[in-house]
């Protein structure tokens, strides 16, 4: 299953930027390893923001939840990380579904 993850990362006033970058480096290493394993399809850092957008491919929402809980950034500062999760459907599958629906309405619609 594909998911779109949108991470917004904040940090507390008592945390230095250096502390944040140290944790983010650990997170980046884990993310790039997950990309090599095929869990992460791709990921992007938004310029000028503490925001990362990720597309992941995992077998179940349970697994995604477990992965999110185990991320280094979530373990160390999860209270300052907001993640929006959206389940995705391949557009090709949607297009086939639309075509099938149109075809089925043509065969079930009585002619006048």
Protein backbone atom coordinates (compact mmCIF):
# COMPACT_ATOMS: atom_id res chain seq x y z
CA UNK A 1 0.00 0.00 0.00
CA UNK A 2 1.24 3.44 -0.88
CA UNK A 3 1.09 6.32 1.59
CA UNK A 4 1.93 10.00 1.32
CA UNK A 5 3.57 11.24 4.53
CA UNK A 6 3.97 14.93 5.26
CA UNK A 7 6.32 15.63 8.18
CA UNK A 8 6.37 19.03 9.88
CA UNK A 9 9.28 19.25 12.33
CA UNK A 10 9.41 21.80 15.13
CA UNK A 11 11.75 21.99 18.08
CA UNK A 12 11.52 23.41 21.58
CA UNK A 13 13.10 26.67 22.69
CA UNK A 14 15.59 24.81 24.87
CA UNK A 15 16.86 22.72 21.93
CA UNK A 16 19.66 24.18 19.83
CA UNK A 17 19.70 24.02 16.06
CA UNK A 18 22.81 21.83 16.40
CA UNK A 19 20.81 19.36 18.53
CA UNK A 20 18.05 19.31 15.92
CA UNK A 21 20.51 18.74 13.08
CA UNK A 22 22.18 15.89 14.99
CA UNK A 23 18.83 14.10 15.32
CA UNK A 24 17.90 14.96 11.74
CA UNK A 25 21.17 13.44 10.49
CA UNK A 26 20.30 10.16 12.21
CA UNK A 27 16.81 10.35 10.67
CA UNK A 28 18.25 11.07 7.21
CA UNK A 29 20.54 8.04 7.45
CA UNK A 30 17.58 5.82 8.40
CA UNK A 31 15.41 7.28 5.61
CA UNK A 32 18.04 6.74 2.93
CA UNK A 33 18.56 3.14 4.12
CA UNK A 34 14.78 2.57 3.92
CA UNK A 35 14.82 4.00 0.40
CA UNK A 36 17.51 1.51 -0.61
CA UNK A 37 15.35 -1.29 0.87
CA UNK A 38 12.35 -0.14 -1.21
CA UNK A 39 10.16 0.89 1.73
CA UNK A 40 10.52 4.54 0.78
CA UNK A 41 9.62 5.15 -2.86
CA UNK A 42 10.99 8.68 -2.73
CA UNK A 43 11.32 11.63 -0.38
CA UNK A 44 11.82 15.37 -0.58
CA UNK A 45 12.87 18.14 1.78
CA UNK A 46 10.90 21.37 1.24
CA UNK A 47 13.26 24.29 0.72
CA UNK A 48 13.41 26.77 3.59
CA UNK A 49 11.11 24.71 5.80
CA UNK A 50 11.42 21.95 8.37
CA UNK A 51 9.13 19.83 6.21
CA UNK A 52 9.74 16.49 4.51
CA UNK A 53 7.38 14.72 2.09
CA UNK A 54 7.71 10.96 1.71
CA UNK A 55 6.00 8.28 -0.38
CA UNK A 56 6.24 4.85 1.24
CA UNK A 57 5.18 1.39 0.10
CA UNK A 58 4.30 -0.89 3.01
CA UNK A 59 1.99 -3.94 3.21
CA UNK A 60 -0.35 -2.59 5.89
CA UNK A 61 -1.33 0.43 7.99
CA UNK A 62 -0.16 -1.52 11.06
CA UNK A 63 3.34 -1.73 9.64
CA UNK A 64 3.34 1.97 8.77
CA UNK A 65 2.29 2.83 12.31
CA UNK A 66 5.10 0.68 13.72
CA UNK A 67 7.66 2.27 11.38
CA UNK A 68 6.54 5.77 12.35
CA UNK A 69 6.85 4.98 16.06
CA UNK A 70 10.38 3.63 15.52
CA UNK A 71 11.78 6.57 13.54
CA UNK A 72 14.77 8.18 15.30
CA UNK A 73 13.19 11.63 15.10
CA UNK A 74 9.93 10.33 16.63
CA UNK A 75 11.76 8.55 19.47
CA UNK A 76 13.84 11.59 20.35
CA UNK A 77 11.46 14.48 19.74
CA UNK A 78 8.14 13.04 18.59
CA UNK A 79 6.17 15.64 20.53
CA UNK A 80 7.55 18.22 18.06
CA UNK A 81 6.85 16.26 14.88
CA UNK A 82 3.47 16.36 13.15
CA UNK A 83 2.82 13.73 10.46
CA UNK A 84 -0.11 13.76 8.06
CA UNK A 85 -0.76 10.40 6.41
CA UNK A 86 -2.80 9.90 3.23
CA UNK A 87 -3.41 6.50 1.65
CA UNK A 88 -2.73 6.56 -2.09
CA UNK A 89 -4.18 4.67 -5.00
CA UNK A 90 -2.25 4.16 -8.21
CA UNK A 91 -3.73 6.36 -10.90
CA UNK A 92 -3.59 3.53 -13.44
CA UNK A 93 -5.87 1.44 -11.20
CA UNK A 94 -8.26 4.38 -10.82
CA UNK A 95 -8.34 4.90 -14.61
CA UNK A 96 -9.22 1.23 -15.16
CA UNK A 97 -11.96 1.49 -12.54
CA UNK A 98 -13.42 4.56 -14.24
CA UNK A 99 -13.39 2.83 -17.62
CA UNK A 100 -15.01 -0.28 -16.17
CA UNK A 101 -17.73 1.83 -14.54
CA UNK A 102 -18.45 3.61 -17.81
CA UNK A 103 -18.55 0.31 -19.69
CA UNK A 104 -20.93 -1.23 -17.14
CA UNK A 105 -23.33 1.73 -17.33
CA UNK A 106 -23.45 1.39 -21.12
CA UNK A 107 -24.49 -2.25 -20.88
CA UNK A 108 -27.07 -1.73 -18.10
CA UNK A 109 -28.68 1.47 -19.40
CA UNK A 110 -31.89 0.71 -21.29
CA UNK A 111 -31.93 2.09 -24.83
CA UNK A 112 -34.62 4.55 -25.81
